[in-house]
N, C-alpha and C. Protein backbone atom coordinates (compact mmCIF):
# COMPACT_ATOMS: atom_id res chain seq x y z
N UNK A 1 8.92 -1.29 -29.71
CA UNK A 1 7.49 -1.02 -29.69
C UNK A 1 6.77 -1.63 -30.89
N UNK A 2 7.34 -1.57 -32.09
CA UNK A 2 6.63 -2.21 -33.23
C UNK A 2 6.35 -3.70 -33.01
N UNK A 3 7.19 -4.37 -32.21
CA UNK A 3 6.94 -5.78 -31.92
C UNK A 3 5.64 -5.98 -31.13
N UNK A 4 5.22 -4.95 -30.39
CA UNK A 4 4.01 -5.06 -29.57
C UNK A 4 2.73 -4.88 -30.37
N UNK A 5 2.77 -4.15 -31.50
CA UNK A 5 1.52 -3.86 -32.23
C UNK A 5 0.72 -5.12 -32.56
N UNK A 6 1.35 -6.21 -33.04
CA UNK A 6 0.55 -7.41 -33.33
C UNK A 6 -0.12 -8.02 -32.10
N UNK A 7 0.38 -7.68 -30.90
CA UNK A 7 -0.18 -8.23 -29.66
C UNK A 7 -1.41 -7.45 -29.19
N UNK A 8 -1.60 -6.25 -29.70
CA UNK A 8 -2.72 -5.41 -29.28
C UNK A 8 -4.02 -5.89 -29.91
N UNK A 9 -5.16 -5.57 -29.27
CA UNK A 9 -6.44 -5.89 -29.90
C UNK A 9 -6.50 -5.29 -31.31
N UNK A 10 -7.04 -6.04 -32.27
CA UNK A 10 -7.01 -5.62 -33.68
C UNK A 10 -7.65 -4.25 -33.91
N UNK A 11 -8.63 -3.89 -33.08
CA UNK A 11 -9.30 -2.59 -33.27
C UNK A 11 -8.36 -1.41 -32.99
N UNK A 12 -7.21 -1.68 -32.36
CA UNK A 12 -6.29 -0.60 -31.97
C UNK A 12 -5.06 -0.49 -32.86
N UNK A 13 -4.82 -1.45 -33.73
CA UNK A 13 -3.55 -1.48 -34.45
C UNK A 13 -3.42 -0.38 -35.50
N UNK A 14 -4.52 0.16 -35.99
CA UNK A 14 -4.45 1.22 -36.99
C UNK A 14 -4.66 2.61 -36.39
N UNK A 15 -4.77 2.68 -35.07
CA UNK A 15 -5.00 3.95 -34.38
C UNK A 15 -3.68 4.71 -34.19
N UNK A 16 -3.73 6.05 -34.17
CA UNK A 16 -2.51 6.81 -33.88
C UNK A 16 -2.22 6.84 -32.38
N UNK A 17 -1.05 6.37 -31.99
CA UNK A 17 -0.63 6.35 -30.59
C UNK A 17 0.28 7.54 -30.34
N UNK A 18 0.17 8.11 -29.13
CA UNK A 18 0.98 9.28 -28.77
C UNK A 18 1.60 9.08 -27.40
N UNK A 19 2.78 9.65 -27.23
CA UNK A 19 3.45 9.61 -25.94
C UNK A 19 2.72 10.56 -24.99
N UNK A 20 2.13 10.01 -23.92
CA UNK A 20 1.39 10.81 -22.95
C UNK A 20 2.25 11.21 -21.76
N UNK A 21 3.20 10.35 -21.43
CA UNK A 21 4.03 10.59 -20.26
C UNK A 21 5.40 9.95 -20.48
N UNK A 22 6.42 10.65 -20.03
CA UNK A 22 7.79 10.12 -20.10
C UNK A 22 8.56 10.67 -18.90
N UNK A 23 9.28 9.79 -18.19
CA UNK A 23 10.07 10.26 -17.06
C UNK A 23 11.14 11.25 -17.53
N UNK A 24 11.65 11.06 -18.73
CA UNK A 24 12.67 11.96 -19.26
C UNK A 24 12.14 13.37 -19.48
N UNK A 25 10.88 13.48 -19.83
CA UNK A 25 10.25 14.78 -20.12
C UNK A 25 9.48 15.33 -18.93
N UNK A 26 8.78 14.43 -18.20
CA UNK A 26 7.81 14.86 -17.19
C UNK A 26 8.25 14.63 -15.75
N UNK A 27 9.41 13.99 -15.55
CA UNK A 27 9.87 13.71 -14.20
C UNK A 27 9.35 12.38 -13.68
N UNK A 28 9.75 12.03 -12.48
CA UNK A 28 9.40 10.75 -11.87
C UNK A 28 8.29 10.95 -10.84
N UNK A 29 7.04 10.76 -11.25
CA UNK A 29 5.92 10.95 -10.34
C UNK A 29 4.70 10.19 -10.84
N UNK A 30 4.18 9.30 -9.99
CA UNK A 30 2.96 8.57 -10.34
C UNK A 30 1.77 9.51 -10.47
N UNK A 31 1.71 10.55 -9.62
CA UNK A 31 0.63 11.55 -9.73
C UNK A 31 0.62 12.20 -11.11
N UNK A 32 1.81 12.57 -11.59
CA UNK A 32 1.91 13.19 -12.91
C UNK A 32 1.53 12.21 -14.00
N UNK A 33 1.91 10.95 -13.85
CA UNK A 33 1.52 9.94 -14.82
C UNK A 33 0.00 9.86 -14.90
N UNK A 34 -0.70 9.82 -13.75
CA UNK A 34 -2.16 9.78 -13.75
C UNK A 34 -2.74 11.01 -14.44
N UNK A 35 -2.20 12.19 -14.15
CA UNK A 35 -2.71 13.44 -14.75
C UNK A 35 -2.47 13.47 -16.25
N UNK A 36 -1.45 12.77 -16.72
CA UNK A 36 -1.10 12.76 -18.14
C UNK A 36 -1.95 11.79 -18.95
N UNK A 37 -2.78 11.02 -18.26
CA UNK A 37 -3.55 9.97 -18.92
C UNK A 37 -4.47 10.49 -20.00
N UNK A 38 -4.77 9.63 -20.92
CA UNK A 38 -5.68 9.95 -22.01
C UNK A 38 -7.13 9.93 -21.51
N UNK A 39 -8.05 10.07 -22.43
CA UNK A 39 -9.46 10.00 -22.04
C UNK A 39 -9.75 8.65 -21.40
N UNK A 40 -10.77 8.57 -20.53
CA UNK A 40 -11.00 7.35 -19.73
C UNK A 40 -11.17 6.07 -20.55
N UNK A 41 -11.70 6.18 -21.76
CA UNK A 41 -11.92 4.96 -22.54
C UNK A 41 -10.71 4.59 -23.40
N UNK A 42 -9.64 5.34 -23.28
CA UNK A 42 -8.46 5.09 -24.10
C UNK A 42 -7.57 4.03 -23.46
N UNK A 43 -7.08 3.09 -24.24
CA UNK A 43 -6.12 2.12 -23.71
C UNK A 43 -4.78 2.79 -23.43
N UNK A 44 -3.95 2.12 -22.66
CA UNK A 44 -2.64 2.66 -22.31
C UNK A 44 -1.58 1.57 -22.40
N UNK A 45 -0.41 1.97 -22.83
CA UNK A 45 0.73 1.07 -22.93
C UNK A 45 1.84 1.64 -22.06
N UNK A 46 2.26 0.88 -21.05
CA UNK A 46 3.36 1.28 -20.17
C UNK A 46 4.62 0.56 -20.62
N UNK A 47 5.68 1.33 -20.88
CA UNK A 47 6.97 0.77 -21.26
C UNK A 47 7.99 1.16 -20.21
N UNK A 48 8.73 0.20 -19.69
CA UNK A 48 9.68 0.43 -18.61
C UNK A 48 11.04 -0.12 -19.03
N UNK A 49 12.09 0.65 -18.70
CA UNK A 49 13.45 0.14 -18.82
C UNK A 49 14.07 0.30 -17.44
N UNK A 50 14.60 -0.79 -16.91
CA UNK A 50 15.20 -0.70 -15.58
C UNK A 50 16.69 -0.37 -15.70
N UNK A 51 17.34 -0.21 -14.56
CA UNK A 51 18.75 0.19 -14.56
C UNK A 51 19.69 -0.92 -15.03
N UNK A 52 19.14 -2.12 -15.26
CA UNK A 52 19.93 -3.21 -15.84
C UNK A 52 19.63 -3.37 -17.33
N UNK A 53 18.99 -2.34 -17.92
CA UNK A 53 18.68 -2.27 -19.35
C UNK A 53 17.66 -3.32 -19.80
N UNK A 54 16.84 -3.82 -18.88
CA UNK A 54 15.77 -4.75 -19.25
C UNK A 54 14.53 -3.94 -19.60
N UNK A 55 13.83 -4.35 -20.64
CA UNK A 55 12.62 -3.65 -21.09
C UNK A 55 11.41 -4.55 -20.89
N UNK A 56 10.33 -3.98 -20.36
CA UNK A 56 9.12 -4.74 -20.07
C UNK A 56 7.99 -3.74 -19.82
N UNK A 57 6.79 -4.25 -19.57
CA UNK A 57 5.70 -3.34 -19.29
C UNK A 57 4.35 -4.02 -19.28
N UNK A 58 3.33 -3.18 -19.52
CA UNK A 58 1.95 -3.64 -19.45
C UNK A 58 1.09 -2.90 -20.45
N UNK A 59 0.06 -3.58 -20.93
CA UNK A 59 -0.98 -2.97 -21.75
C UNK A 59 -2.28 -3.03 -20.96
N UNK A 60 -2.99 -1.92 -20.92
CA UNK A 60 -4.31 -1.86 -20.28
C UNK A 60 -5.31 -1.39 -21.31
N UNK A 61 -6.45 -2.07 -21.38
CA UNK A 61 -7.50 -1.69 -22.31
C UNK A 61 -8.20 -0.39 -21.93
N UNK A 62 -7.93 0.11 -20.73
CA UNK A 62 -8.48 1.39 -20.28
C UNK A 62 -7.36 2.26 -19.74
N UNK A 63 -7.63 3.55 -19.58
CA UNK A 63 -6.63 4.51 -19.13
C UNK A 63 -6.09 4.12 -17.76
N UNK A 64 -4.82 4.40 -17.53
CA UNK A 64 -4.20 4.18 -16.22
C UNK A 64 -4.62 5.35 -15.34
N UNK A 65 -5.23 5.04 -14.21
CA UNK A 65 -5.76 6.09 -13.34
C UNK A 65 -5.73 5.63 -11.89
N UNK A 66 -5.91 6.58 -10.99
CA UNK A 66 -6.03 6.26 -9.57
C UNK A 66 -7.39 5.63 -9.33
N UNK A 67 -7.44 4.64 -8.46
CA UNK A 67 -8.69 3.92 -8.25
C UNK A 67 -8.73 3.32 -6.85
N UNK A 68 -9.93 3.08 -6.36
CA UNK A 68 -10.07 2.45 -5.05
C UNK A 68 -10.09 0.93 -5.16
N UNK A 69 -10.34 0.42 -6.34
CA UNK A 69 -10.36 -1.02 -6.56
C UNK A 69 -9.75 -1.36 -7.91
N UNK A 70 -9.69 -2.64 -8.19
CA UNK A 70 -9.15 -3.08 -9.47
C UNK A 70 -10.13 -2.76 -10.59
N UNK A 71 -9.62 -2.44 -11.76
CA UNK A 71 -10.43 -2.16 -12.94
C UNK A 71 -9.72 -2.74 -14.16
N UNK A 72 -10.39 -2.73 -15.28
CA UNK A 72 -9.78 -3.21 -16.52
C UNK A 72 -10.53 -4.41 -17.07
N UNK A 73 -9.99 -4.94 -18.16
CA UNK A 73 -10.62 -6.05 -18.87
C UNK A 73 -9.59 -7.13 -19.18
N UNK A 74 -10.07 -8.23 -19.71
CA UNK A 74 -9.21 -9.34 -20.10
C UNK A 74 -8.28 -9.02 -21.25
N UNK A 75 -8.40 -7.81 -21.84
CA UNK A 75 -7.44 -7.40 -22.87
C UNK A 75 -6.09 -7.03 -22.25
N UNK A 76 -6.08 -6.77 -20.95
CA UNK A 76 -4.86 -6.36 -20.25
C UNK A 76 -3.83 -7.49 -20.32
N UNK A 77 -2.56 -7.12 -20.52
CA UNK A 77 -1.50 -8.13 -20.50
C UNK A 77 -0.18 -7.51 -20.04
N UNK A 78 0.72 -8.37 -19.61
CA UNK A 78 2.09 -7.99 -19.27
C UNK A 78 3.01 -8.50 -20.37
N UNK A 79 4.17 -7.87 -20.50
CA UNK A 79 5.13 -8.33 -21.50
C UNK A 79 6.55 -8.03 -21.02
N UNK A 80 7.48 -8.75 -21.62
CA UNK A 80 8.89 -8.59 -21.31
C UNK A 80 9.70 -8.80 -22.58
N UNK A 81 10.80 -8.08 -22.69
CA UNK A 81 11.74 -8.27 -23.80
C UNK A 81 13.04 -8.89 -23.28
N UNK A 82 12.93 -9.82 -22.35
CA UNK A 82 14.11 -10.42 -21.71
C UNK A 82 14.28 -11.87 -22.12
N UNK A 83 15.02 -12.26 -23.13
CA UNK A 83 15.68 -11.39 -24.10
C UNK A 83 14.80 -11.09 -25.31
N UNK A 84 13.83 -11.96 -25.63
CA UNK A 84 12.93 -11.67 -26.75
C UNK A 84 11.53 -11.44 -26.19
N UNK A 85 10.63 -10.95 -27.02
CA UNK A 85 9.29 -10.60 -26.56
C UNK A 85 8.55 -11.82 -26.03
N UNK A 86 8.06 -11.69 -24.80
CA UNK A 86 7.16 -12.67 -24.20
C UNK A 86 5.93 -11.91 -23.72
N UNK A 87 4.75 -12.44 -24.03
CA UNK A 87 3.49 -11.80 -23.64
C UNK A 87 2.76 -12.72 -22.68
N UNK A 88 2.25 -12.14 -21.59
CA UNK A 88 1.53 -12.90 -20.58
C UNK A 88 0.09 -12.38 -20.52
N UNK A 89 -0.83 -13.19 -21.03
CA UNK A 89 -2.23 -12.79 -21.14
C UNK A 89 -3.04 -13.28 -19.95
N UNK A 90 -4.24 -12.75 -19.85
CA UNK A 90 -5.17 -13.06 -18.77
C UNK A 90 -5.46 -14.56 -18.70
N UNK A 91 -5.36 -15.11 -17.51
CA UNK A 91 -5.64 -16.54 -17.31
C UNK A 91 -7.12 -16.82 -17.06
N UNK A 92 -7.87 -15.80 -16.64
CA UNK A 92 -9.27 -15.99 -16.28
C UNK A 92 -9.47 -16.39 -14.82
N UNK A 93 -8.38 -16.55 -14.06
CA UNK A 93 -8.49 -16.98 -12.67
C UNK A 93 -8.98 -15.89 -11.72
N UNK A 94 -8.73 -14.63 -12.06
CA UNK A 94 -9.25 -13.50 -11.28
C UNK A 94 -9.31 -12.28 -12.20
N UNK A 95 -9.83 -11.19 -11.67
CA UNK A 95 -9.91 -9.97 -12.50
C UNK A 95 -9.14 -8.82 -11.84
N UNK A 96 -7.97 -9.13 -11.31
CA UNK A 96 -7.10 -8.13 -10.69
C UNK A 96 -6.21 -7.51 -11.77
N UNK A 97 -6.82 -6.71 -12.63
CA UNK A 97 -6.09 -6.16 -13.78
C UNK A 97 -5.21 -4.98 -13.40
N UNK A 98 -5.81 -3.85 -13.00
CA UNK A 98 -5.04 -2.65 -12.68
C UNK A 98 -5.65 -1.98 -11.46
N UNK A 99 -4.79 -1.49 -10.56
CA UNK A 99 -5.24 -0.73 -9.40
C UNK A 99 -4.13 0.23 -9.04
N UNK A 100 -4.50 1.46 -8.72
CA UNK A 100 -3.46 2.42 -8.38
C UNK A 100 -3.94 3.51 -7.45
N UNK A 101 -3.04 3.98 -6.61
CA UNK A 101 -3.28 5.18 -5.83
C UNK A 101 -2.00 6.01 -5.92
N UNK A 102 -1.87 7.06 -5.11
CA UNK A 102 -0.71 7.93 -5.24
C UNK A 102 0.59 7.26 -4.83
N UNK A 103 0.51 6.17 -4.08
CA UNK A 103 1.72 5.50 -3.59
C UNK A 103 2.11 4.25 -4.36
N UNK A 104 1.19 3.68 -5.13
CA UNK A 104 1.45 2.38 -5.73
C UNK A 104 0.55 2.14 -6.94
N UNK A 105 1.13 1.64 -8.02
CA UNK A 105 0.38 1.17 -9.18
C UNK A 105 0.64 -0.31 -9.32
N UNK A 106 -0.43 -1.11 -9.44
CA UNK A 106 -0.30 -2.56 -9.53
C UNK A 106 -1.00 -3.06 -10.79
N UNK A 107 -0.39 -4.02 -11.47
CA UNK A 107 -1.00 -4.67 -12.63
C UNK A 107 -0.90 -6.17 -12.39
N UNK A 108 -2.06 -6.81 -12.28
CA UNK A 108 -2.10 -8.25 -12.01
C UNK A 108 -1.86 -8.55 -10.54
N UNK A 109 -2.50 -9.59 -10.05
CA UNK A 109 -2.33 -9.92 -8.64
C UNK A 109 -2.88 -11.27 -8.28
N UNK A 110 -2.90 -11.50 -6.97
CA UNK A 110 -3.40 -12.74 -6.41
C UNK A 110 -2.45 -13.27 -5.36
N UNK A 111 -2.99 -13.66 -4.22
CA UNK A 111 -2.21 -14.22 -3.12
C UNK A 111 -1.09 -13.28 -2.66
N UNK A 112 -1.36 -11.98 -2.67
CA UNK A 112 -0.38 -11.01 -2.20
C UNK A 112 0.79 -10.76 -3.12
N UNK A 113 0.69 -11.22 -4.35
CA UNK A 113 1.76 -11.04 -5.32
C UNK A 113 1.23 -10.23 -6.50
N UNK A 114 2.09 -9.39 -7.07
CA UNK A 114 1.68 -8.53 -8.18
C UNK A 114 2.56 -8.79 -9.39
N UNK A 115 1.91 -8.92 -10.54
CA UNK A 115 2.65 -9.13 -11.78
C UNK A 115 3.62 -7.99 -12.05
N UNK A 116 3.16 -6.77 -11.76
CA UNK A 116 3.99 -5.58 -11.90
C UNK A 116 3.51 -4.55 -10.90
N UNK A 117 4.43 -3.93 -10.17
CA UNK A 117 4.06 -2.83 -9.30
C UNK A 117 5.12 -1.74 -9.41
N UNK A 118 4.67 -0.50 -9.25
CA UNK A 118 5.53 0.67 -9.32
C UNK A 118 5.23 1.56 -8.13
N UNK A 119 6.27 2.13 -7.52
CA UNK A 119 6.04 2.99 -6.36
C UNK A 119 5.63 4.40 -6.81
N UNK A 120 5.21 5.22 -5.84
CA UNK A 120 4.69 6.55 -6.14
C UNK A 120 5.69 7.50 -6.73
N UNK A 121 6.98 7.27 -6.48
CA UNK A 121 8.03 8.12 -7.05
C UNK A 121 8.53 7.60 -8.39
N UNK A 122 8.02 6.46 -8.81
CA UNK A 122 8.45 5.79 -10.05
C UNK A 122 9.96 5.56 -10.08
N UNK A 123 10.54 5.32 -8.92
CA UNK A 123 11.96 4.96 -8.86
C UNK A 123 12.15 3.46 -8.70
N UNK A 124 11.23 2.81 -8.00
CA UNK A 124 11.34 1.38 -7.73
C UNK A 124 10.08 0.66 -8.19
N UNK A 125 10.26 -0.60 -8.50
CA UNK A 125 9.14 -1.44 -8.87
C UNK A 125 9.48 -2.88 -8.61
N UNK A 126 8.54 -3.73 -8.95
CA UNK A 126 8.76 -5.15 -8.76
C UNK A 126 7.87 -5.97 -9.66
N UNK A 127 8.20 -7.23 -9.75
CA UNK A 127 7.43 -8.16 -10.58
C UNK A 127 7.54 -9.54 -9.96
N UNK A 128 6.37 -10.18 -9.82
CA UNK A 128 6.32 -11.55 -9.30
C UNK A 128 5.33 -12.33 -10.17
N UNK A 129 5.48 -13.64 -10.23
CA UNK A 129 4.45 -14.43 -10.89
C UNK A 129 3.12 -14.19 -10.18
N UNK A 130 2.04 -14.01 -10.95
CA UNK A 130 0.74 -13.77 -10.33
C UNK A 130 -0.35 -14.57 -11.05
N UNK A 131 -1.46 -14.78 -10.34
CA UNK A 131 -2.56 -15.59 -10.86
C UNK A 131 -3.23 -14.96 -12.08
N UNK A 132 -3.28 -13.63 -12.13
CA UNK A 132 -3.98 -12.95 -13.22
C UNK A 132 -3.38 -13.30 -14.58
N UNK A 133 -2.04 -13.34 -14.65
CA UNK A 133 -1.38 -13.54 -15.95
C UNK A 133 -0.47 -14.76 -16.01
N UNK A 134 -0.27 -15.46 -14.90
CA UNK A 134 0.65 -16.60 -14.85
C UNK A 134 1.98 -16.23 -15.51
N UNK A 135 2.47 -15.05 -15.15
CA UNK A 135 3.67 -14.49 -15.77
C UNK A 135 4.94 -14.93 -15.08
N UNK A 136 6.03 -14.79 -15.81
CA UNK A 136 7.36 -14.90 -15.24
C UNK A 136 7.69 -13.54 -14.64
N UNK A 137 8.77 -13.47 -13.86
CA UNK A 137 9.28 -12.17 -13.41
C UNK A 137 9.68 -11.40 -14.67
N UNK A 138 9.26 -10.15 -14.78
CA UNK A 138 9.45 -9.40 -16.01
C UNK A 138 10.88 -8.89 -16.18
N UNK A 139 11.58 -8.64 -15.08
CA UNK A 139 12.97 -8.17 -15.11
C UNK A 139 13.87 -9.32 -14.65
N UNK A 140 15.16 -9.03 -14.47
CA UNK A 140 16.06 -10.06 -13.97
C UNK A 140 15.86 -10.32 -12.48
N UNK A 141 15.31 -9.33 -11.77
CA UNK A 141 15.12 -9.45 -10.33
C UNK A 141 13.67 -9.13 -9.98
N UNK A 142 13.20 -9.64 -8.83
CA UNK A 142 11.84 -9.35 -8.40
C UNK A 142 11.64 -7.87 -8.09
N UNK A 143 12.68 -7.19 -7.62
CA UNK A 143 12.61 -5.75 -7.40
C UNK A 143 13.65 -5.08 -8.29
N UNK A 144 13.29 -3.93 -8.85
CA UNK A 144 14.16 -3.25 -9.80
C UNK A 144 14.08 -1.75 -9.58
N UNK A 145 15.07 -1.05 -10.15
CA UNK A 145 15.08 0.42 -10.16
C UNK A 145 14.73 0.86 -11.59
N UNK A 146 13.87 1.84 -11.69
CA UNK A 146 13.41 2.32 -12.99
C UNK A 146 14.38 3.35 -13.54
N UNK A 147 14.81 3.14 -14.78
CA UNK A 147 15.64 4.12 -15.47
C UNK A 147 14.76 5.05 -16.31
N UNK A 148 13.87 4.47 -17.08
CA UNK A 148 12.95 5.23 -17.95
C UNK A 148 11.59 4.57 -17.92
N UNK A 149 10.55 5.39 -18.01
CA UNK A 149 9.19 4.87 -18.10
C UNK A 149 8.42 5.77 -19.06
N UNK A 150 7.66 5.16 -19.94
CA UNK A 150 6.80 5.90 -20.86
C UNK A 150 5.40 5.32 -20.80
N UNK A 151 4.41 6.19 -21.00
CA UNK A 151 3.03 5.75 -21.15
C UNK A 151 2.52 6.31 -22.48
N UNK A 152 2.03 5.40 -23.30
CA UNK A 152 1.48 5.74 -24.61
C UNK A 152 -0.02 5.53 -24.59
N UNK A 153 -0.74 6.37 -25.30
CA UNK A 153 -2.20 6.25 -25.40
C UNK A 153 -2.67 6.70 -26.77
N UNK A 154 -3.95 6.50 -27.02
CA UNK A 154 -4.53 6.92 -28.30
C UNK A 154 -4.71 8.43 -28.32
N UNK A 155 -4.63 8.98 -29.51
CA UNK A 155 -4.80 10.44 -29.68
C UNK A 155 -6.21 10.86 -29.29
């Protein structure tokens, strides 16, 4: 996590971050993750470890929440630690930053592909190259099983 701080917007690097949600503490549920969210204007950091011990995730400049459409800003990015930190920032080609409902959370998109998606039970997810971030696949495989997931937000 300390490797990610320099990647965050400078206005956030001196802020106190707190663990808002953890599968180890709160169980595996996208609904619970949404309920655990910080105030609406608070950014969120999603950290995922899959069952192959790969670590990756997403930063959103606004709280992760259920929505009928895409929301967020160009501060949003995807990242992977496979094997060292790689950050995939907004390309400007579209504004498909974050969208979620009770069955699916998506970060980045375009042409039917999502940079990162998580199912409603937070057991499965996937990653594909997408227009929003021009990212690589974040894990070793396009579809993965989630071992641990955390969401961090500002106090």
